[in-house]
Amino acid sequence: MAPGTALIPQLIDQCPGSDVRRYAFELPARTDSVARARRLTRNRLACWDFPEEASDTALLIVSELVTNAVVHTAGDHIACELRDDRGQLRIAIQDQGHAAAGPQLCRSPQGEHGRGLLLVDAVSRAWGVRDATHGPGRLVWAELECHAGRPC
C-alpha cells in the first residue's frame, strides 16, 4: 500500500480542530521493511522541516519499534503513524499480533538483543504500549519534543 493517510485508520487520537500534521503508512512485516520505514520517516520529517537532531532521534525510535514489531509479533503487515503537534512528535507502530506479555524493558540485555526499548526509553520523552483499537495486535508509541527555539 502506498504511503499516505487515506486508507489507514488513525492510530493516535487527536482533538477535533487541532493543527496537527499526520503521516501514516503500512509495510509488510518483514525485516527489510525497517529500512523502508526509516526512509519514509526521514523524507516526511524533512518535508516538515524537522530539526536534524530530533529527526535522527525519531529515526532511531522508528527503527527499534518497527524491528520489534517485525521480529516479536505475528502478522503480515505493520502500520506506522507520525504526528507532529506543535513541537511534539508522536510515533506509533501497530502490529497484528502479540505475545502474552507484550513489549517490556530488558534491564539485562544478552548479546545483540534486548536493547531496543532501553534506547527508546533513553531518548524519548515518554513511551508506552496498549492494545490496538483497530484490529488485533498492539500499538507501541513514543514521544519526543523539539528543542526550544527550533520549531517542528
C-alpha atoms as a PDB file:
ATOM      1  CA  MET A   1       0.000   0.000   0.000  1.00  0.00           C
ATOM      2  CA  ALA A   2       1.348   3.435  -0.854  1.00  0.00           C
ATOM      3  CA  PRO A   3       2.292   5.783   1.993  1.00  0.00           C
ATOM      4  CA  GLY A   4      -0.235   8.418   2.946  1.00  0.00           C
ATOM      5  CA  THR A   5      -3.186   8.757   5.254  1.00  0.00           C
ATOM      6  CA  ALA A   6      -6.340   7.986   3.291  1.00  0.00           C
ATOM      7  CA  LEU A   7      -6.796   4.260   3.918  1.00  0.00           C
ATOM      8  CA  ILE A   8      -5.025   3.794   7.232  1.00  0.00           C
ATOM      9  CA  PRO A   9      -7.079   4.401  10.389  1.00  0.00           C
ATOM     10  CA  GLN A  10      -5.686   6.938  12.816  1.00  0.00           C
ATOM     11  CA  LEU A  11      -3.613   5.127  15.410  1.00  0.00           C
ATOM     12  CA  ILE A  12      -3.451   8.140  17.704  1.00  0.00           C
ATOM     13  CA  ASP A  13      -6.450  10.104  18.970  1.00  0.00           C
ATOM     14  CA  GLN A  14      -6.417  13.830  18.356  1.00  0.00           C
ATOM     15  CA  CYS A  15      -8.690  16.693  19.335  1.00  0.00           C
ATOM     16  CA  PRO A  16     -11.044  17.989  16.646  1.00  0.00           C
ATOM     17  CA  GLY A  17      -9.926  21.292  15.153  1.00  0.00           C
ATOM     18  CA  SER A  18      -6.312  20.901  16.265  1.00  0.00           C
ATOM     19  CA  ASP A  19      -3.475  21.941  13.970  1.00  0.00           C
ATOM     20  CA  VAL A  20      -1.718  18.583  13.709  1.00  0.00           C
ATOM     21  CA  ARG A  21       0.391  17.192  10.875  1.00  0.00           C
ATOM     22  CA  ARG A  22      -0.143  13.461  10.396  1.00  0.00           C
ATOM     23  CA  TYR A  23       1.505  10.897   8.136  1.00  0.00           C
ATOM     24  CA  ALA A  24       0.823   7.161   8.117  1.00  0.00           C
ATOM     25  CA  PHE A  25       1.994   4.164   6.140  1.00  0.00           C
ATOM     26  CA  GLU A  26       1.744   0.384   6.123  1.00  0.00           C
ATOM     27  CA  LEU A  27       4.544  -2.031   5.326  1.00  0.00           C
ATOM     28  CA  PRO A  28       4.897  -5.808   5.130  1.00  0.00           C
ATOM     29  CA  ALA A  29       6.012  -7.362   8.420  1.00  0.00           C
ATOM     30  CA  ARG A  30       9.473  -8.271   7.075  1.00  0.00           C
ATOM     31  CA  THR A  31      12.926  -7.269   8.244  1.00  0.00           C
ATOM     32  CA  ASP A  32      13.606  -5.332   5.033  1.00  0.00           C
ATOM     33  CA  SER A  33      10.697  -3.041   5.945  1.00  0.00           C
ATOM     34  CA  VAL A  34      12.771  -1.460   8.736  1.00  0.00           C
ATOM     35  CA  ALA A  35      14.955   0.396   6.211  1.00  0.00           C
ATOM     36  CA  ARG A  36      11.884   1.484   4.237  1.00  0.00           C
ATOM     37  CA  ALA A  37      10.202   2.771   7.411  1.00  0.00           C
ATOM     38  CA  ARG A  38      13.328   4.841   8.155  1.00  0.00           C
ATOM     39  CA  ARG A  39      13.342   6.246   4.601  1.00  0.00           C
ATOM     40  CA  LEU A  40       9.661   7.178   4.698  1.00  0.00           C
ATOM     41  CA  THR A  41      10.085   8.778   8.123  1.00  0.00           C
ATOM     42  CA  ARG A  42      13.230  10.687   7.083  1.00  0.00           C
ATOM     43  CA  ASN A  43      11.514  12.039   3.969  1.00  0.00           C
ATOM     44  CA  ARG A  44       8.390  13.132   5.840  1.00  0.00           C
ATOM     45  CA  LEU A  45      10.324  14.838   8.641  1.00  0.00           C
ATOM     46  CA  ALA A  46      12.399  16.668   6.009  1.00  0.00           C
ATOM     47  CA  CYS A  47       9.160  17.881   4.359  1.00  0.00           C
ATOM     48  CA  TRP A  48       8.059  19.146   7.768  1.00  0.00           C
ATOM     49  CA  ASP A  49      11.424  20.953   8.268  1.00  0.00           C
ATOM     50  CA  PHE A  50      12.001  18.910  11.383  1.00  0.00           C
ATOM     51  CA  PRO A  51      15.260  19.742  13.237  1.00  0.00           C
ATOM     52  CA  GLU A  52      18.086  17.366  12.269  1.00  0.00           C
ATOM     53  CA  GLU A  53      18.892  16.188  15.803  1.00  0.00           C
ATOM     54  CA  ALA A  54      15.242  15.416  16.558  1.00  0.00           C
ATOM     55  CA  SER A  55      14.922  13.705  13.167  1.00  0.00           C
ATOM     56  CA  ASP A  56      17.890  11.446  13.956  1.00  0.00           C
ATOM     57  CA  THR A  57      16.278  10.518  17.274  1.00  0.00           C
ATOM     58  CA  ALA A  58      12.956   9.823  15.558  1.00  0.00           C
ATOM     59  CA  LEU A  59      14.698   7.530  13.045  1.00  0.00           C
ATOM     60  CA  LEU A  60      16.261   5.560  15.896  1.00  0.00           C
ATOM     61  CA  ILE A  61      12.855   5.152  17.546  1.00  0.00           C
ATOM     62  CA  VAL A  62      11.186   4.083  14.297  1.00  0.00           C
ATOM     63  CA  SER A  63      13.974   1.559  13.654  1.00  0.00           C
ATOM     64  CA  GLU A  64      13.650  -0.004  17.092  1.00  0.00           C
ATOM     65  CA  LEU A  65       9.846  -0.114  17.205  1.00  0.00           C
ATOM     66  CA  VAL A  66       9.451  -1.460  13.671  1.00  0.00           C
ATOM     67  CA  THR A  67      12.146  -4.072  14.304  1.00  0.00           C
ATOM     68  CA  ASN A  68      10.342  -5.210  17.464  1.00  0.00           C
ATOM     69  CA  ALA A  69       7.003  -5.390  15.628  1.00  0.00           C
ATOM     70  CA  VAL A  70       8.522  -7.478  12.834  1.00  0.00           C
ATOM     71  CA  VAL A  71      10.668  -9.797  14.959  1.00  0.00           C
ATOM     72  CA  HIS A  72       8.466 -10.369  18.004  1.00  0.00           C
ATOM     73  CA  THR A  73       4.914 -10.493  16.628  1.00  0.00           C
ATOM     74  CA  ALA A  74       2.841 -12.477  14.192  1.00  0.00           C
ATOM     75  CA  GLY A  75       1.178 -10.803  11.252  1.00  0.00           C
ATOM     76  CA  ASP A  76       1.715  -9.873   7.649  1.00  0.00           C
ATOM     77  CA  HIS A  77       1.940  -6.080   7.967  1.00  0.00           C
ATOM     78  CA  ILE A  78       2.591  -3.223  10.373  1.00  0.00           C
ATOM     79  CA  ALA A  79       1.250   0.323  10.402  1.00  0.00           C
ATOM     80  CA  CYS A  80       3.198   3.416  11.384  1.00  0.00           C
ATOM     81  CA  GLU A  81       1.891   6.875  12.159  1.00  0.00           C
ATOM     82  CA  LEU A  82       3.849  10.082  12.728  1.00  0.00           C
ATOM     83  CA  ARG A  83       2.053  13.008  14.327  1.00  0.00           C
ATOM     84  CA  ASP A  84       3.577  16.445  14.832  1.00  0.00           C
ATOM     85  CA  ASP A  85       1.542  18.509  17.270  1.00  0.00           C
ATOM     86  CA  ARG A  86       3.244  21.902  17.640  1.00  0.00           C
ATOM     87  CA  GLY A  87       6.660  20.725  18.729  1.00  0.00           C
ATOM     88  CA  GLN A  88       5.845  17.243  19.955  1.00  0.00           C
ATOM     89  CA  LEU A  89       6.356  14.272  17.649  1.00  0.00           C
ATOM     90  CA  ARG A  90       4.478  11.098  18.432  1.00  0.00           C
ATOM     91  CA  ILE A  91       5.485   7.871  16.686  1.00  0.00           C
ATOM     92  CA  ALA A  92       3.117   4.903  16.826  1.00  0.00           C
ATOM     93  CA  ILE A  93       3.687   1.419  15.432  1.00  0.00           C
ATOM     94  CA  GLN A  94       0.848  -1.105  15.318  1.00  0.00           C
ATOM     95  CA  ASP A  95       1.406  -4.811  14.758  1.00  0.00           C
ATOM     96  CA  GLN A  96      -1.179  -7.524  14.138  1.00  0.00           C
ATOM     97  CA  GLY A  97      -0.378  -9.920  16.917  1.00  0.00           C
ATOM     98  CA  HIS A  98       1.490 -10.126  20.179  1.00  0.00           C
ATOM     99  CA  ALA A  99       2.952 -12.381  22.783  1.00  0.00           C
ATOM    100  CA  ALA A 100       1.058 -12.614  26.072  1.00  0.00           C
ATOM    101  CA  ALA A 101       3.436 -10.323  27.983  1.00  0.00           C
ATOM    102  CA  GLY A 102       3.886  -7.590  25.359  1.00  0.00           C
ATOM    103  CA  PRO A 103       6.931  -5.344  24.967  1.00  0.00           C
ATOM    104  CA  GLN A 104       8.951  -4.766  28.117  1.00  0.00           C
ATOM    105  CA  LEU A 105      12.215  -3.123  29.048  1.00  0.00           C
ATOM    106  CA  CYS A 106      15.028  -5.630  29.381  1.00  0.00           C
ATOM    107  CA  ARG A 107      17.297  -4.305  32.156  1.00  0.00           C
ATOM    108  CA  SER A 108      19.921  -7.001  31.486  1.00  0.00           C
ATOM    109  CA  PRO A 109      20.195  -7.417  27.712  1.00  0.00           C
ATOM    110  CA  GLN A 110      22.005 -10.502  26.457  1.00  0.00           C
ATOM    111  CA  GLY A 111      24.202 -10.388  23.357  1.00  0.00           C
ATOM    112  CA  GLU A 112      22.797  -8.380  20.457  1.00  0.00           C
ATOM    113  CA  HIS A 113      19.179  -8.474  21.645  1.00  0.00           C
ATOM    114  CA  GLY A 114      17.190  -6.687  24.319  1.00  0.00           C
ATOM    115  CA  ARG A 115      18.463  -3.116  23.955  1.00  0.00           C
ATOM    116  CA  GLY A 116      15.799  -1.635  21.661  1.00  0.00           C
ATOM    117  CA  LEU A 117      13.291  -0.459  24.245  1.00  0.00           C
ATOM    118  CA  LEU A 118      16.121   0.698  26.519  1.00  0.00           C
ATOM    119  CA  LEU A 119      17.200   3.007  23.694  1.00  0.00           C
ATOM    120  CA  VAL A 120      13.635   4.184  23.099  1.00  0.00           C
ATOM    121  CA  ASP A 121      13.239   4.829  26.830  1.00  0.00           C
ATOM    122  CA  ALA A 122      16.512   6.772  26.960  1.00  0.00           C
ATOM    123  CA  VAL A 123      15.822   9.095  24.000  1.00  0.00           C
ATOM    124  CA  SER A 124      12.071   9.678  24.205  1.00  0.00           C
ATOM    125  CA  ARG A 125      10.066  11.941  26.496  1.00  0.00           C
ATOM    126  CA  ALA A 126       7.600   9.112  27.079  1.00  0.00           C
ATOM    127  CA  TRP A 127       6.642   5.789  25.546  1.00  0.00           C
ATOM    128  CA  GLY A 128       4.062   3.108  26.129  1.00  0.00           C
ATOM    129  CA  VAL A 129       2.058   0.228  24.797  1.00  0.00           C
ATOM    130  CA  ARG A 130      -1.640  -0.558  24.570  1.00  0.00           C
ATOM    131  CA  ASP A 131      -3.914  -2.971  22.778  1.00  0.00           C
ATOM    132  CA  ALA A 132      -4.760  -1.806  19.270  1.00  0.00           C
ATOM    133  CA  THR A 133      -8.137  -0.138  18.810  1.00  0.00           C
ATOM    134  CA  HIS A 134      -8.212  -1.000  15.076  1.00  0.00           C
ATOM    135  CA  GLY A 135      -7.963  -4.757  14.742  1.00  0.00           C
ATOM    136  CA  PRO A 136      -5.803  -7.254  16.617  1.00  0.00           C
ATOM    137  CA  GLY A 137      -2.353  -6.540  17.969  1.00  0.00           C
ATOM    138  CA  ARG A 138      -0.660  -3.857  19.979  1.00  0.00           C
ATOM    139  CA  LEU A 139       0.254  -0.246  19.482  1.00  0.00           C
ATOM    140  CA  VAL A 140       3.644   0.891  20.770  1.00  0.00           C
ATOM    141  CA  TRP A 141       4.224   4.649  20.830  1.00  0.00           C
ATOM    142  CA  ALA A 142       6.959   7.093  21.753  1.00  0.00           C
ATOM    143  CA  GLU A 143       7.031  10.881  22.029  1.00  0.00           C
ATOM    144  CA  LEU A 144       9.818  13.400  21.644  1.00  0.00           C
ATOM    145  CA  GLU A 145       9.931  17.151  21.822  1.00  0.00           C
ATOM    146  CA  CYS A 146      11.901  19.543  19.658  1.00  0.00           C
ATOM    147  CA  HIS A 147      14.453  21.748  21.344  1.00  0.00           C
ATOM    148  CA  ALA A 148      13.299  25.182  22.429  1.00  0.00           C
ATOM    149  CA  GLY A 149      13.623  27.752  19.677  1.00  0.00           C
ATOM    150  CA  ARG A 150      13.639  25.092  16.959  1.00  0.00           C
ATOM    151  CA  PRO A 151      10.028  24.565  15.913  1.00  0.00           C
ATOM    152  CA  CYS A 152       8.857  21.391  14.230  1.00  0.00           C
END
